[in-house]
C-alpha atoms as a PDB file:
ATOM      1  CA  MET A   1      86.120  63.800  57.384  1.00  0.00           C
ATOM      2  CA  LYS A   2      88.292  61.332  55.221  1.00  0.00           C
ATOM      3  CA  LYS A   3      89.827  64.480  53.099  1.00  0.00           C
ATOM      4  CA  ILE A   4      90.955  66.006  56.912  1.00  0.00           C
ATOM      5  CA  VAL A   5      92.384  62.623  57.679  1.00  0.00           C
ATOM      6  CA  ALA A   6      94.222  62.211  54.425  1.00  0.00           C
ATOM      7  CA  ILE A   7      95.782  65.934  54.810  1.00  0.00           C
ATOM      8  CA  ILE A   8      97.086  65.249  58.152  1.00  0.00           C
ATOM      9  CA  TRP A   9      98.680  62.071  57.143  1.00  0.00           C
ATOM     10  CA  LYS A  10     100.163  64.008  54.129  1.00  0.00           C
ATOM     11  CA  THR A  11     101.316  67.008  56.366  1.00  0.00           C
ATOM     12  CA  LEU A  12     102.595  64.315  58.976  1.00  0.00           C
ATOM     13  CA  LEU A  13     104.498  62.433  56.241  1.00  0.00           C
ATOM     14  CA  ILE A  14     105.848  65.482  54.680  1.00  0.00           C
ATOM     15  CA  PHE A  15     107.194  66.469  58.057  1.00  0.00           C
ATOM     16  CA  ILE A  16     108.828  63.185  58.486  1.00  0.00           C
ATOM     17  CA  ILE A  17     110.644  63.377  55.519  1.00  0.00           C
ATOM     18  CA  SER A  18     111.742  66.731  55.563  1.00  0.00           C
ATOM     19  CA  SER A  19     113.183  66.507  59.089  1.00  0.00           C
ATOM     20  CA  ILE A  20     115.027  63.030  58.481  1.00  0.00           C
ATOM     21  CA  ILE A  21     116.693  64.441  55.157  1.00  0.00           C
ATOM     22  CA  PRO A  22     118.855  67.228  56.742  1.00  0.00           C
ATOM     23  CA  VAL A  23     119.662  64.955  59.746  1.00  0.00           C
ATOM     24  CA  ILE A  24     121.029  62.285  57.270  1.00  0.00           C
ATOM     25  CA  ALA A  25     122.766  65.184  55.274  1.00  0.00           C
ATOM     26  CA  TYR A  26     124.493  66.404  58.343  1.00  0.00           C
ATOM     27  CA  LYS A  27     125.757  62.971  58.996  1.00  0.00           C
ATOM     28  CA  TRP A  28     128.711  63.474  56.475  1.00  0.00           C
ATOM     29  CA  LEU A  29     128.255  67.524  55.749  1.00  0.00           C
ATOM     30  CA  PRO A  30     129.478  69.994  58.456  1.00  0.00           C
ATOM     31  CA  VAL A  31     126.357  72.516  59.678  1.00  0.00           C
ATOM     32  CA  PRO A  32     127.335  75.869  57.914  1.00  0.00           C
ATOM     33  CA  LEU A  33     124.778  77.844  59.771  1.00  0.00           C
ATOM     34  CA  THR A  34     122.233  77.428  62.687  1.00  0.00           C
ATOM     35  CA  PRO A  35     119.158  79.213  63.628  1.00  0.00           C
ATOM     36  CA  LEU A  36     120.537  80.582  66.626  1.00  0.00           C
ATOM     37  CA  MET A  37     123.525  82.330  64.486  1.00  0.00           C
ATOM     38  CA  VAL A  38     120.962  83.783  62.187  1.00  0.00           C
ATOM     39  CA  ILE A  39     119.067  85.182  65.284  1.00  0.00           C
ATOM     40  CA  ARG A  40     122.169  86.787  66.761  1.00  0.00           C
ATOM     41  CA  ASN A  41     123.358  88.334  63.594  1.00  0.00           C
ATOM     42  CA  ILE A  42     119.444  89.950  63.470  1.00  0.00           C
ATOM     43  CA  GLU A  43     119.961  91.017  66.977  1.00  0.00           C
ATOM     44  CA  GLN A  44     122.983  92.550  66.265  1.00  0.00           C
ATOM     45  CA  MET A  45     121.729  94.696  63.090  1.00  0.00           C
ATOM     46  CA  GLY A  46     119.060  95.784  65.371  1.00  0.00           C
ATOM     47  CA  ASN A  47     121.353  97.100  67.739  1.00  0.00           C
ATOM     48  CA  HIS A  48     122.934  98.665  65.160  1.00  0.00           C
ATOM     49  CA  LYS A  49     126.377  96.854  65.970  1.00  0.00           C
ATOM     50  CA  GLY A  50     128.577  95.425  63.146  1.00  0.00           C
ATOM     51  CA  LEU A  51     128.108  91.574  62.508  1.00  0.00           C
ATOM     52  CA  GLU A  52     130.126  89.670  64.460  1.00  0.00           C
ATOM     53  CA  MET A  53     130.347  85.853  63.790  1.00  0.00           C
ATOM     54  CA  LYS A  54     133.594  83.225  64.277  1.00  0.00           C
ATOM     55  CA  HIS A  55     132.660  80.012  63.497  1.00  0.00           C
ATOM     56  CA  ASP A  56     135.141  77.446  62.280  1.00  0.00           C
ATOM     57  CA  TRP A  57     134.242  73.790  61.546  1.00  0.00           C
ATOM     58  CA  VAL A  58     136.791  71.210  62.522  1.00  0.00           C
ATOM     59  CA  SER A  59     136.694  67.418  62.886  1.00  0.00           C
ATOM     60  CA  LEU A  60     136.420  65.728  66.372  1.00  0.00           C
ATOM     61  CA  ASP A  61     139.995  64.713  66.013  1.00  0.00           C
ATOM     62  CA  LYS A  62     141.008  68.072  65.904  1.00  0.00           C
ATOM     63  CA  ILE A  63     139.145  69.085  69.113  1.00  0.00           C
ATOM     64  CA  SER A  64     141.241  68.433  72.454  1.00  0.00           C
ATOM     65  CA  PRO A  65     139.867  65.391  73.974  1.00  0.00           C
ATOM     66  CA  LYS A  66     140.063  67.376  77.316  1.00  0.00           C
ATOM     67  CA  LEU A  67     137.259  69.872  76.238  1.00  0.00           C
ATOM     68  CA  GLN A  68     135.001  66.784  75.054  1.00  0.00           C
ATOM     69  CA  LEU A  69     135.425  65.419  78.437  1.00  0.00           C
ATOM     70  CA  ALA A  70     134.839  68.976  79.831  1.00  0.00           C
ATOM     71  CA  VAL A  71     131.665  69.385  78.534  1.00  0.00           C
ATOM     72  CA  VAL A  72     130.114  66.157  79.517  1.00  0.00           C
ATOM     73  CA  CYS A  73     131.509  66.597  83.094  1.00  0.00           C
ATOM     74  CA  SER A  74     129.878  70.045  83.015  1.00  0.00           C
ATOM     75  CA  GLU A  75     126.735  69.420  80.958  1.00  0.00           C
ATOM     76  CA  ASP A  76     125.764  65.798  80.801  1.00  0.00           C
ATOM     77  CA  GLN A  77     127.766  63.240  82.644  1.00  0.00           C
ATOM     78  CA  ASN A  78     125.346  60.334  81.202  1.00  0.00           C
ATOM     79  CA  TYR A  79     125.985  61.169  77.792  1.00  0.00           C
ATOM     80  CA  LEU A  80     127.684  57.946  76.796  1.00  0.00           C
ATOM     81  CA  ASN A  81     124.924  55.714  78.686  1.00  0.00           C
ATOM     82  CA  HIS A  82     121.667  57.365  77.361  1.00  0.00           C
ATOM     83  CA  PHE A  83     119.761  57.410  74.276  1.00  0.00           C
ATOM     84  CA  GLY A  84     119.177  61.263  74.129  1.00  0.00           C
ATOM     85  CA  PHE A  85     117.149  61.809  77.143  1.00  0.00           C
ATOM     86  CA  ASP A  86     118.282  61.633  80.995  1.00  0.00           C
ATOM     87  CA  ILE A  87     115.190  60.706  83.016  1.00  0.00           C
ATOM     88  CA  ASN A  88     117.111  61.250  86.406  1.00  0.00           C
ATOM     89  CA  ALA A  89     118.047  64.841  85.246  1.00  0.00           C
ATOM     90  CA  ILE A  90     114.707  65.965  83.969  1.00  0.00           C
ATOM     91  CA  LYS A  91     113.134  64.644  87.226  1.00  0.00           C
ATOM     92  CA  LYS A  92     115.524  66.609  89.362  1.00  0.00           C
ATOM     93  CA  ALA A  93     114.981  69.442  86.940  1.00  0.00           C
ATOM     94  CA  MET A  94     111.223  69.405  87.461  1.00  0.00           C
ATOM     95  CA  ILE A  95     111.618  69.038  91.251  1.00  0.00           C
ATOM     96  CA  GLU A  96     113.848  71.889  91.604  1.00  0.00           C
ATOM     97  CA  ASN A  97     111.839  74.217  89.524  1.00  0.00           C
ATOM     98  CA  LYS A  98     108.579  73.348  91.364  1.00  0.00           C
ATOM     99  CA  GLU A  99     110.389  73.995  94.510  1.00  0.00           C
ATOM    100  CA  GLY A 100     111.163  77.427  93.481  1.00  0.00           C
ATOM    101  CA  LYS A 101     115.000  77.323  92.733  1.00  0.00           C
ATOM    102  CA  ARG A 102     116.766  78.732  89.842  1.00  0.00           C
ATOM    103  CA  PHE A 103     115.572  77.234  86.764  1.00  0.00           C
ATOM    104  CA  ARG A 104     117.457  74.313  85.663  1.00  0.00           C
ATOM    105  CA  GLY A 105     117.046  72.749  81.884  1.00  0.00           C
ATOM    106  CA  GLY A 106     118.009  69.177  82.441  1.00  0.00           C
ATOM    107  CA  SER A 107     118.849  69.088  78.611  1.00  0.00           C
ATOM    108  CA  THR A 108     121.453  66.651  77.314  1.00  0.00           C
ATOM    109  CA  ILE A 109     124.095  67.160  74.844  1.00  0.00           C
ATOM    110  CA  SER A 110     122.004  65.359  72.464  1.00  0.00           C
ATOM    111  CA  GLN A 111     119.040  67.443  73.086  1.00  0.00           C
ATOM    112  CA  GLN A 112     120.986  70.699  73.035  1.00  0.00           C
ATOM    113  CA  THR A 113     122.638  69.628  69.942  1.00  0.00           C
ATOM    114  CA  ALA A 114     119.233  68.941  68.153  1.00  0.00           C
ATOM    115  CA  LYS A 115     118.099  72.439  69.510  1.00  0.00           C
ATOM    116  CA  ASN A 116     121.181  74.302  68.278  1.00  0.00           C
ATOM    117  CA  VAL A 117     121.243  72.750  64.947  1.00  0.00           C
ATOM    118  CA  PHE A 118     117.658  72.477  63.869  1.00  0.00           C
ATOM    119  CA  LEU A 119     115.544  74.878  66.007  1.00  0.00           C
ATOM    120  CA  TRP A 120     115.063  77.882  67.661  1.00  0.00           C
ATOM    121  CA  PRO A 121     115.569  79.372  71.089  1.00  0.00           C
ATOM    122  CA  GLY A 122     112.901  79.005  73.678  1.00  0.00           C
ATOM    123  CA  ARG A 123     110.775  77.200  76.079  1.00  0.00           C
ATOM    124  CA  SER A 124     107.166  76.235  74.675  1.00  0.00           C
ATOM    125  CA  TYR A 125     106.006  72.713  74.881  1.00  0.00           C
ATOM    126  CA  ILE A 126     105.699  72.850  70.826  1.00  0.00           C
ATOM    127  CA  ARG A 127     109.597  73.527  70.396  1.00  0.00           C
ATOM    128  CA  LYS A 128     110.388  70.802  73.133  1.00  0.00           C
ATOM    129  CA  ALA A 129     108.234  68.553  71.199  1.00  0.00           C
ATOM    130  CA  PHE A 130     110.417  69.271  68.227  1.00  0.00           C
ATOM    131  CA  GLU A 131     113.664  69.156  70.177  1.00  0.00           C
ATOM    132  CA  ALA A 132     112.599  65.728  71.196  1.00  0.00           C
ATOM    133  CA  TRP A 133     111.593  64.486  67.691  1.00  0.00           C
ATOM    134  CA  PHE A 134     115.249  65.424  66.614  1.00  0.00           C
ATOM    135  CA  THR A 135     116.773  64.067  69.636  1.00  0.00           C
ATOM    136  CA  LEU A 136     115.680  60.872  68.754  1.00  0.00           C
ATOM    137  CA  LEU A 137     116.340  61.248  64.988  1.00  0.00           C
ATOM    138  CA  ILE A 138     120.182  62.286  66.034  1.00  0.00           C
ATOM    139  CA  GLU A 139     120.475  59.487  68.498  1.00  0.00           C
ATOM    140  CA  PHE A 140     119.408  56.996  65.745  1.00  0.00           C
ATOM    141  CA  PHE A 141     121.319  58.244  62.828  1.00  0.00           C
ATOM    142  CA  TRP A 142     124.430  59.681  64.399  1.00  0.00           C
ATOM    143  CA  SER A 143     126.967  58.259  66.625  1.00  0.00           C
ATOM    144  CA  LYS A 144     128.041  59.539  69.875  1.00  0.00           C
ATOM    145  CA  GLU A 145     131.427  60.829  68.316  1.00  0.00           C
ATOM    146  CA  HIS A 146     129.134  62.761  65.574  1.00  0.00           C
ATOM    147  CA  ILE A 147     126.608  64.146  68.063  1.00  0.00           C
ATOM    148  CA  MET A 148     129.643  65.350  70.243  1.00  0.00           C
ATOM    149  CA  GLU A 149     131.780  66.842  66.948  1.00  0.00           C
ATOM    150  CA  VAL A 150     128.403  68.951  65.736  1.00  0.00           C
ATOM    151  CA  TYR A 151     127.932  69.926  69.297  1.00  0.00           C
ATOM    152  CA  LEU A 152     131.198  71.253  69.617  1.00  0.00           C
ATOM    153  CA  ASN A 153     131.280  73.112  66.369  1.00  0.00           C
ATOM    154  CA  SER A 154     127.575  74.550  66.812  1.00  0.00           C
ATOM    155  CA  ILE A 155     127.050  75.618  70.411  1.00  0.00           C
ATOM    156  CA  GLU A 156     127.666  79.468  71.361  1.00  0.00           C
ATOM    157  CA  MET A 157     130.918  79.917  73.170  1.00  0.00           C
ATOM    158  CA  GLY A 158     131.096  83.915  73.526  1.00  0.00           C
ATOM    159  CA  ASN A 159     129.471  86.934  71.441  1.00  0.00           C
ATOM    160  CA  GLY A 160     129.570  86.093  68.255  1.00  0.00           C
ATOM    161  CA  ILE A 161     131.519  83.202  68.837  1.00  0.00           C
ATOM    162  CA  TYR A 162     130.546  79.437  67.623  1.00  0.00           C
ATOM    163  CA  GLY A 163     132.109  76.242  67.937  1.00  0.00           C
ATOM    164  CA  ALA A 164     135.435  74.956  69.687  1.00  0.00           C
ATOM    165  CA  GLU A 165     138.087  76.151  67.205  1.00  0.00           C
ATOM    166  CA  ALA A 166     136.796  79.846  67.204  1.00  0.00           C
ATOM    167  CA  ALA A 167     136.326  79.651  71.110  1.00  0.00           C
ATOM    168  CA  ALA A 168     139.857  78.439  71.403  1.00  0.00           C
ATOM    169  CA  ASN A 169     141.510  80.913  69.473  1.00  0.00           C
ATOM    170  CA  TYR A 170     139.104  83.995  70.993  1.00  0.00           C
ATOM    171  CA  TRP A 171     139.699  83.250  74.599  1.00  0.00           C
ATOM    172  CA  PHE A 172     143.174  81.536  74.406  1.00  0.00           C
ATOM    173  CA  LYS A 173     144.845  82.241  71.072  1.00  0.00           C
ATOM    174  CA  LYS A 174     145.367  78.800  70.277  1.00  0.00           C
ATOM    175  CA  SER A 175     143.687  76.008  68.060  1.00  0.00           C
ATOM    176  CA  ALA A 176     141.109  73.649  69.875  1.00  0.00           C
ATOM    177  CA  ILE A 177     143.230  70.577  69.683  1.00  0.00           C
ATOM    178  CA  LYS A 178     145.890  72.233  72.053  1.00  0.00           C
ATOM    179  CA  LEU A 179     143.668  73.414  74.638  1.00  0.00           C
ATOM    180  CA  SER A 180     144.882  72.265  77.992  1.00  0.00           C
ATOM    181  CA  LYS A 181     142.735  70.834  81.022  1.00  0.00           C
ATOM    182  CA  ASP A 182     142.509  74.206  82.706  1.00  0.00           C
ATOM    183  CA  GLU A 183     141.673  75.826  79.398  1.00  0.00           C
ATOM    184  CA  ALA A 184     138.742  73.271  78.296  1.00  0.00           C
ATOM    185  CA  ALA A 185     137.089  73.635  81.745  1.00  0.00           C
ATOM    186  CA  SER A 186     137.120  77.221  81.665  1.00  0.00           C
ATOM    187  CA  ILE A 187     135.055  77.208  77.832  1.00  0.00           C
ATOM    188  CA  ALA A 188     132.850  74.407  79.528  1.00  0.00           C
ATOM    189  CA  ALA A 189     132.223  76.428  82.543  1.00  0.00           C
ATOM    190  CA  ILE A 190     130.478  79.526  80.551  1.00  0.00           C
ATOM    191  CA  LEU A 191     128.486  77.314  78.218  1.00  0.00           C
ATOM    192  CA  PRO A 192     125.105  78.055  80.497  1.00  0.00           C
ATOM    193  CA  ASN A 193     125.240  81.713  79.583  1.00  0.00           C
ATOM    194  CA  PRO A 194     128.113  82.319  77.197  1.00  0.00           C
ATOM    195  CA  LEU A 195     127.216  85.850  76.362  1.00  0.00           C
ATOM    196  CA  LYS A 196     127.716  86.875  80.187  1.00  0.00           C
ATOM    197  CA  PHE A 197     130.382  85.051  81.289  1.00  0.00           C
ATOM    198  CA  LYS A 198     134.153  85.010  79.971  1.00  0.00           C
ATOM    199  CA  ALA A 199     136.632  82.026  80.052  1.00  0.00           C
ATOM    200  CA  ASN A 200     139.587  84.198  80.188  1.00  0.00           C
ATOM    201  CA  PRO A 201     139.645  85.921  82.309  1.00  0.00           C
ATOM    202  CA  PRO A 202     137.334  84.066  84.650  1.00  0.00           C
ATOM    203  CA  SER A 203     134.887  85.498  87.044  1.00  0.00           C
ATOM    204  CA  THR A 204     134.826  84.383  90.729  1.00  0.00           C
ATOM    205  CA  TYR A 205     131.758  82.349  89.700  1.00  0.00           C
ATOM    206  CA  ILE A 206     133.253  80.807  86.619  1.00  0.00           C
ATOM    207  CA  ALA A 207     136.535  79.986  88.432  1.00  0.00           C
ATOM    208  CA  LYS A 208     134.483  77.946  91.018  1.00  0.00           C
ATOM    209  CA  ARG A 209     132.805  76.467  88.167  1.00  0.00           C
ATOM    210  CA  LYS A 210     135.822  75.582  86.400  1.00  0.00           C
ATOM    211  CA  THR A 211     137.337  74.225  89.806  1.00  0.00           C
ATOM    212  CA  TRP A 212     134.581  71.608  90.084  1.00  0.00           C
ATOM    213  CA  ILE A 213     134.629  70.560  86.345  1.00  0.00           C
ATOM    214  CA  LYS A 214     138.379  69.598  86.601  1.00  0.00           C
ATOM    215  CA  GLN A 215     137.428  67.517  89.863  1.00  0.00           C
ATOM    216  CA  GLN A 216     134.908  65.771  87.780  1.00  0.00           C
ATOM    217  CA  MET A 217     137.230  65.335  85.140  1.00  0.00           C
ATOM    218  CA  ASN A 218     139.658  63.795  87.630  1.00  0.00           C
ATOM    219  CA  PHE A 219     137.137  61.296  88.536  1.00  0.00           C
ATOM    220  CA  TRP A 220     136.408  60.374  84.658  1.00  0.00           C
ATOM    221  CA  GLY A 221     140.107  59.898  83.439  1.00  0.00           C
ATOM    222  CA  ASN A 222     141.744  61.922  80.589  1.00  0.00           C
ATOM    223  CA  THR A 223     139.214  60.669  77.496  1.00  0.00           C
ATOM    224  CA  LEU A 224     135.697  59.908  76.858  1.00  0.00           C
ATOM    225  CA  ASP A 225     135.501  56.097  75.901  1.00  0.00           C
ATOM    226  CA  TYR A 226     133.101  56.217  72.913  1.00  0.00           C
ATOM    227  CA  ASN A 227     134.178  52.171  72.215  1.00  0.00           C
ATOM    228  CA  LYS A 228     132.770  51.566  75.638  1.00  0.00           C
ATOM    229  CA  TYR A 229     129.219  52.780  74.684  1.00  0.00           C
ATOM    230  CA  LYS A 230     129.033  50.934  71.294  1.00  0.00           C
ATOM    231  CA  ASP A 231     130.150  47.907  73.328  1.00  0.00           C
ATOM    232  CA  GLU A 232     127.252  48.362  75.610  1.00  0.00           C
ATOM    233  CA  ASP A 233     124.662  49.096  73.081  1.00  0.00           C
ATOM    234  CA  GLU A 234     125.305  45.897  70.986  1.00  0.00           C
ATOM    235  CA  PRO A 235     123.031  43.116  71.657  1.00  0.00           C
ATOM    236  CA  LYS A 236     124.489  40.350  73.624  1.00  0.00           C
ATOM    237  CA  LYS A 237     124.855  37.317  72.247  1.00  0.00           C
END
């Protein structure tokens, strides 16, 4: 029994260390490749299609603040206020799914970043548990700005298109820093299913989503105030 307990503790310790190391490394290093990119390449080879992958890492200051705001308005409006999990969104998603409405995830930008960078696609409880663990790690070791930087450089934004710079070039023939409010909202609008939808030209459904996102952006202002989060996060004297 003692040997079994020792093995379990050693395994747990190895897992903790091996998961913390890449999180700390990616605090300073760009993420070169994600599991989803590998999976998509394998799918392309299986379908006898040529490999198609565009992924150009850029720093957050080279990504339009409008796109940063657009993805928050679209995907996670409590991004600056939570520590990785939006409990209200999770409860709402559970209620809607239980009522048989269209599946709703309720994942935050932090959770999506953890999943995209460290894990594989899926909805199993095991993968969700790993996702929760990595979400806590990146919220602890990374700033909100860095989570946003990794998110906007890693997420899928079209067929073989990963990250804001590649998406801006593919959809609008410009760099990510030059995206307009309308273009940023267009890219944010397709994120729930970037293989199905197009940012340009948008379908009727995407055009409606884009209009809603721009309305939300108007409520927020022009940019995200990351410093406000830092101030609120500091212990009060």
